[in-house]
């Protein structure tokens, strides 16, 4: 059975789920408030308010002082369809379970109206991440990561 292709840029660089997560992690690491923090992809966090273990696509842990820490969690959806309300509800529940400070969802194509309304009421940030835009501006960013991404995607079916 052939694998279903995920989002592919106009530059012919298809990204699988792991590559999209790494791409979003790279963007998070470049955020001003991420300086000095630890950005991780696919890190597991123990449940605190709810039992279990939760794998987070992208996380940012920033220690502002010995007693003041900040945790951002990001769910990455590299889908061809709009992300719906259920994804927003799930990341909000996960945020509560592991006591994260902020939750976000990164989508390759955007969000449904229900998702937008739900995110607003639950305080979840929504990011539409354009791979094409990022690749077009590679020379202004960490070119090594961009080059690795482009090369790793060139021979995919």
C-alpha atoms as a PDB file:
ATOM      1  CA  UNK A   1       0.000   0.000   0.000  1.00  0.00           C
ATOM      2  CA  UNK A   2       1.455   3.372  -1.022  1.00  0.00           C
ATOM      3  CA  UNK A   3       2.057   5.981   1.642  1.00  0.00           C
ATOM      4  CA  UNK A   4      -0.222   8.988   1.433  1.00  0.00           C
ATOM      5  CA  UNK A   5       1.789  12.127   0.723  1.00  0.00           C
ATOM      6  CA  UNK A   6       1.574  14.987   3.155  1.00  0.00           C
ATOM      7  CA  UNK A   7       2.034  18.674   2.440  1.00  0.00           C
ATOM      8  CA  UNK A   8       4.488  19.356  -0.355  1.00  0.00           C
ATOM      9  CA  UNK A   9       5.918  22.741  -1.170  1.00  0.00           C
ATOM     10  CA  UNK A  10       5.880  24.199  -4.654  1.00  0.00           C
ATOM     11  CA  UNK A  11       9.640  23.567  -4.602  1.00  0.00           C
ATOM     12  CA  UNK A  12       8.981  19.812  -4.687  1.00  0.00           C
ATOM     13  CA  UNK A  13       9.989  19.180  -1.086  1.00  0.00           C
ATOM     14  CA  UNK A  14       7.476  16.812   0.510  1.00  0.00           C
ATOM     15  CA  UNK A  15       7.611  16.758   4.282  1.00  0.00           C
ATOM     16  CA  UNK A  16       6.609  13.748   6.311  1.00  0.00           C
ATOM     17  CA  UNK A  17       5.288  14.196   9.850  1.00  0.00           C
ATOM     18  CA  UNK A  18       8.728  13.988  11.475  1.00  0.00           C
ATOM     19  CA  UNK A  19      10.250  16.512   9.041  1.00  0.00           C
ATOM     20  CA  UNK A  20       7.355  18.915   9.604  1.00  0.00           C
ATOM     21  CA  UNK A  21       7.846  18.633  13.381  1.00  0.00           C
ATOM     22  CA  UNK A  22      11.582  19.310  12.980  1.00  0.00           C
ATOM     23  CA  UNK A  23      10.758  22.269  10.738  1.00  0.00           C
ATOM     24  CA  UNK A  24       8.387  23.746  13.345  1.00  0.00           C
ATOM     25  CA  UNK A  25      10.941  23.079  16.116  1.00  0.00           C
ATOM     26  CA  UNK A  26      13.498  25.031  14.089  1.00  0.00           C
ATOM     27  CA  UNK A  27      11.074  27.944  13.747  1.00  0.00           C
ATOM     28  CA  UNK A  28      10.292  27.875  17.490  1.00  0.00           C
ATOM     29  CA  UNK A  29      14.017  27.901  18.290  1.00  0.00           C
ATOM     30  CA  UNK A  30      14.315  31.068  16.219  1.00  0.00           C
ATOM     31  CA  UNK A  31      11.709  32.961  18.233  1.00  0.00           C
ATOM     32  CA  UNK A  32      13.098  35.796  20.344  1.00  0.00           C
ATOM     33  CA  UNK A  33      11.674  34.492  23.621  1.00  0.00           C
ATOM     34  CA  UNK A  34      13.156  31.026  22.932  1.00  0.00           C
ATOM     35  CA  UNK A  35      16.714  32.279  23.349  1.00  0.00           C
ATOM     36  CA  UNK A  36      18.317  30.382  26.207  1.00  0.00           C
ATOM     37  CA  UNK A  37      15.523  27.823  26.211  1.00  0.00           C
ATOM     38  CA  UNK A  38      15.486  24.169  25.248  1.00  0.00           C
ATOM     39  CA  UNK A  39      13.519  23.237  22.136  1.00  0.00           C
ATOM     40  CA  UNK A  40      12.714  19.539  21.747  1.00  0.00           C
ATOM     41  CA  UNK A  41      10.893  17.476  19.161  1.00  0.00           C
ATOM     42  CA  UNK A  42       8.926  14.399  20.185  1.00  0.00           C
ATOM     43  CA  UNK A  43       9.726  14.707  23.895  1.00  0.00           C
ATOM     44  CA  UNK A  44       7.727  12.710  26.445  1.00  0.00           C
ATOM     45  CA  UNK A  45       6.297  14.458  29.497  1.00  0.00           C
ATOM     46  CA  UNK A  46       4.721  12.752  32.512  1.00  0.00           C
ATOM     47  CA  UNK A  47       1.127  13.570  33.348  1.00  0.00           C
ATOM     48  CA  UNK A  48       0.806  15.615  36.528  1.00  0.00           C
ATOM     49  CA  UNK A  49      -2.898  16.432  36.729  1.00  0.00           C
ATOM     50  CA  UNK A  50      -3.810  13.330  34.737  1.00  0.00           C
ATOM     51  CA  UNK A  51      -2.011   9.994  34.695  1.00  0.00           C
ATOM     52  CA  UNK A  52      -0.075   8.850  31.668  1.00  0.00           C
ATOM     53  CA  UNK A  53       2.764   9.951  29.484  1.00  0.00           C
ATOM     54  CA  UNK A  54       2.344  12.496  26.713  1.00  0.00           C
ATOM     55  CA  UNK A  55       4.534  12.795  23.625  1.00  0.00           C
ATOM     56  CA  UNK A  56       4.700  16.416  22.554  1.00  0.00           C
ATOM     57  CA  UNK A  57       5.564  17.189  18.922  1.00  0.00           C
ATOM     58  CA  UNK A  58       7.531  20.347  19.787  1.00  0.00           C
ATOM     59  CA  UNK A  59       8.218  21.817  23.199  1.00  0.00           C
ATOM     60  CA  UNK A  60      10.034  24.885  24.455  1.00  0.00           C
ATOM     61  CA  UNK A  61      11.253  24.956  28.039  1.00  0.00           C
ATOM     62  CA  UNK A  62      12.570  28.283  29.292  1.00  0.00           C
ATOM     63  CA  UNK A  63      13.914  28.798  32.795  1.00  0.00           C
ATOM     64  CA  UNK A  64      13.551  32.461  33.674  1.00  0.00           C
ATOM     65  CA  UNK A  65      14.889  31.902  37.184  1.00  0.00           C
ATOM     66  CA  UNK A  66      15.323  29.008  39.607  1.00  0.00           C
ATOM     67  CA  UNK A  67      11.677  29.229  40.555  1.00  0.00           C
ATOM     68  CA  UNK A  68      10.154  30.501  37.334  1.00  0.00           C
ATOM     69  CA  UNK A  69       9.880  28.155  34.356  1.00  0.00           C
ATOM     70  CA  UNK A  70       7.828  28.376  31.166  1.00  0.00           C
ATOM     71  CA  UNK A  71       6.653  25.439  29.020  1.00  0.00           C
ATOM     72  CA  UNK A  72       5.206  25.862  25.523  1.00  0.00           C
ATOM     73  CA  UNK A  73       3.836  22.786  23.749  1.00  0.00           C
ATOM     74  CA  UNK A  74       3.075  22.618  20.029  1.00  0.00           C
ATOM     75  CA  UNK A  75       1.010  20.034  18.161  1.00  0.00           C
ATOM     76  CA  UNK A  76       2.053  19.825  14.494  1.00  0.00           C
ATOM     77  CA  UNK A  77      -0.442  18.876  11.799  1.00  0.00           C
ATOM     78  CA  UNK A  78       0.969  18.450   8.312  1.00  0.00           C
ATOM     79  CA  UNK A  79      -2.391  17.709   6.745  1.00  0.00           C
ATOM     80  CA  UNK A  80      -3.892  18.602   3.384  1.00  0.00           C
ATOM     81  CA  UNK A  81      -7.166  19.459   5.114  1.00  0.00           C
ATOM     82  CA  UNK A  82      -7.931  22.148   7.663  1.00  0.00           C
ATOM     83  CA  UNK A  83      -7.311  21.274  11.304  1.00  0.00           C
ATOM     84  CA  UNK A  84     -10.545  20.867  13.258  1.00  0.00           C
ATOM     85  CA  UNK A  85     -11.860  21.566  16.738  1.00  0.00           C
ATOM     86  CA  UNK A  86     -10.930  18.099  18.077  1.00  0.00           C
ATOM     87  CA  UNK A  87      -7.192  18.795  17.731  1.00  0.00           C
ATOM     88  CA  UNK A  88      -7.566  22.059  19.651  1.00  0.00           C
ATOM     89  CA  UNK A  89      -9.501  20.348  22.431  1.00  0.00           C
ATOM     90  CA  UNK A  90      -6.912  17.571  22.670  1.00  0.00           C
ATOM     91  CA  UNK A  91      -3.901  19.915  22.962  1.00  0.00           C
ATOM     92  CA  UNK A  92      -5.770  21.986  25.580  1.00  0.00           C
ATOM     93  CA  UNK A  93      -6.383  18.792  27.575  1.00  0.00           C
ATOM     94  CA  UNK A  94      -2.725  17.800  27.216  1.00  0.00           C
ATOM     95  CA  UNK A  95      -1.617  21.283  28.327  1.00  0.00           C
ATOM     96  CA  UNK A  96      -3.690  20.834  31.472  1.00  0.00           C
ATOM     97  CA  UNK A  97      -2.476  17.266  32.059  1.00  0.00           C
ATOM     98  CA  UNK A  98       1.226  18.169  32.035  1.00  0.00           C
ATOM     99  CA  UNK A  99       0.738  21.686  33.419  1.00  0.00           C
ATOM    100  CA  UNK A 100       2.200  23.492  30.410  1.00  0.00           C
ATOM    101  CA  UNK A 101       1.961  27.278  30.325  1.00  0.00           C
ATOM    102  CA  UNK A 102       0.925  27.688  26.699  1.00  0.00           C
ATOM    103  CA  UNK A 103      -0.270  25.437  23.880  1.00  0.00           C
ATOM    104  CA  UNK A 104      -0.162  25.996  20.141  1.00  0.00           C
ATOM    105  CA  UNK A 105      -1.100  24.081  17.010  1.00  0.00           C
ATOM    106  CA  UNK A 106       0.966  24.423  13.823  1.00  0.00           C
ATOM    107  CA  UNK A 107      -0.822  23.567  10.578  1.00  0.00           C
ATOM    108  CA  UNK A 108       0.435  23.463   7.018  1.00  0.00           C
ATOM    109  CA  UNK A 109      -2.900  24.673   5.621  1.00  0.00           C
ATOM    110  CA  UNK A 110      -4.969  26.357   8.340  1.00  0.00           C
ATOM    111  CA  UNK A 111      -7.962  25.767  10.610  1.00  0.00           C
ATOM    112  CA  UNK A 112     -11.725  25.336  10.466  1.00  0.00           C
ATOM    113  CA  UNK A 113     -14.040  28.024  11.866  1.00  0.00           C
ATOM    114  CA  UNK A 114     -14.883  25.691  14.774  1.00  0.00           C
ATOM    115  CA  UNK A 115     -11.168  25.300  15.532  1.00  0.00           C
ATOM    116  CA  UNK A 116     -10.652  29.075  15.488  1.00  0.00           C
ATOM    117  CA  UNK A 117     -13.526  29.645  17.913  1.00  0.00           C
ATOM    118  CA  UNK A 118     -12.456  26.796  20.198  1.00  0.00           C
ATOM    119  CA  UNK A 119      -8.834  27.980  20.249  1.00  0.00           C
ATOM    120  CA  UNK A 120      -9.920  31.479  21.197  1.00  0.00           C
ATOM    121  CA  UNK A 121     -12.032  30.240  24.099  1.00  0.00           C
ATOM    122  CA  UNK A 122      -9.310  27.838  25.341  1.00  0.00           C
ATOM    123  CA  UNK A 123      -6.364  30.198  24.816  1.00  0.00           C
ATOM    124  CA  UNK A 124      -4.590  27.971  22.274  1.00  0.00           C
ATOM    125  CA  UNK A 125      -2.355  29.731  19.737  1.00  0.00           C
ATOM    126  CA  UNK A 126      -2.848  28.750  16.088  1.00  0.00           C
ATOM    127  CA  UNK A 127      -0.007  28.951  13.572  1.00  0.00           C
ATOM    128  CA  UNK A 128      -0.291  28.385   9.850  1.00  0.00           C
ATOM    129  CA  UNK A 129       3.245  27.488   8.804  1.00  0.00           C
ATOM    130  CA  UNK A 130       4.169  28.075   5.172  1.00  0.00           C
ATOM    131  CA  UNK A 131       6.968  25.781   4.057  1.00  0.00           C
ATOM    132  CA  UNK A 132       7.224  27.560   0.695  1.00  0.00           C
ATOM    133  CA  UNK A 133       7.758  30.939   2.347  1.00  0.00           C
ATOM    134  CA  UNK A 134      10.387  29.514   4.666  1.00  0.00           C
ATOM    135  CA  UNK A 135      12.301  27.804   1.862  1.00  0.00           C
ATOM    136  CA  UNK A 136      12.181  30.980  -0.243  1.00  0.00           C
ATOM    137  CA  UNK A 137      13.829  32.850   2.641  1.00  0.00           C
ATOM    138  CA  UNK A 138      16.417  30.199   3.517  1.00  0.00           C
ATOM    139  CA  UNK A 139      19.338  32.487   2.813  1.00  0.00           C
ATOM    140  CA  UNK A 140      18.178  34.715   5.674  1.00  0.00           C
ATOM    141  CA  UNK A 141      18.001  31.815   8.140  1.00  0.00           C
ATOM    142  CA  UNK A 142      20.095  28.837   9.197  1.00  0.00           C
ATOM    143  CA  UNK A 143      21.013  27.677   5.695  1.00  0.00           C
ATOM    144  CA  UNK A 144      22.358  24.333   6.940  1.00  0.00           C
ATOM    145  CA  UNK A 145      19.011  23.213   8.280  1.00  0.00           C
ATOM    146  CA  UNK A 146      17.258  24.395   5.133  1.00  0.00           C
ATOM    147  CA  UNK A 147      19.726  22.601   2.899  1.00  0.00           C
ATOM    148  CA  UNK A 148      19.313  19.383   4.905  1.00  0.00           C
ATOM    149  CA  UNK A 149      15.534  19.688   4.607  1.00  0.00           C
ATOM    150  CA  UNK A 150      15.633  20.267   0.859  1.00  0.00           C
ATOM    151  CA  UNK A 151      18.092  17.444   0.236  1.00  0.00           C
ATOM    152  CA  UNK A 152      16.248  14.975   2.445  1.00  0.00           C
ATOM    153  CA  UNK A 153      13.036  15.608   0.516  1.00  0.00           C
ATOM    154  CA  UNK A 154      14.294  15.462  -3.053  1.00  0.00           C
ATOM    155  CA  UNK A 155      14.194  11.694  -3.561  1.00  0.00           C
ATOM    156  CA  UNK A 156      10.830  10.990  -1.929  1.00  0.00           C
ATOM    157  CA  UNK A 157       7.928   9.396  -3.760  1.00  0.00           C
END
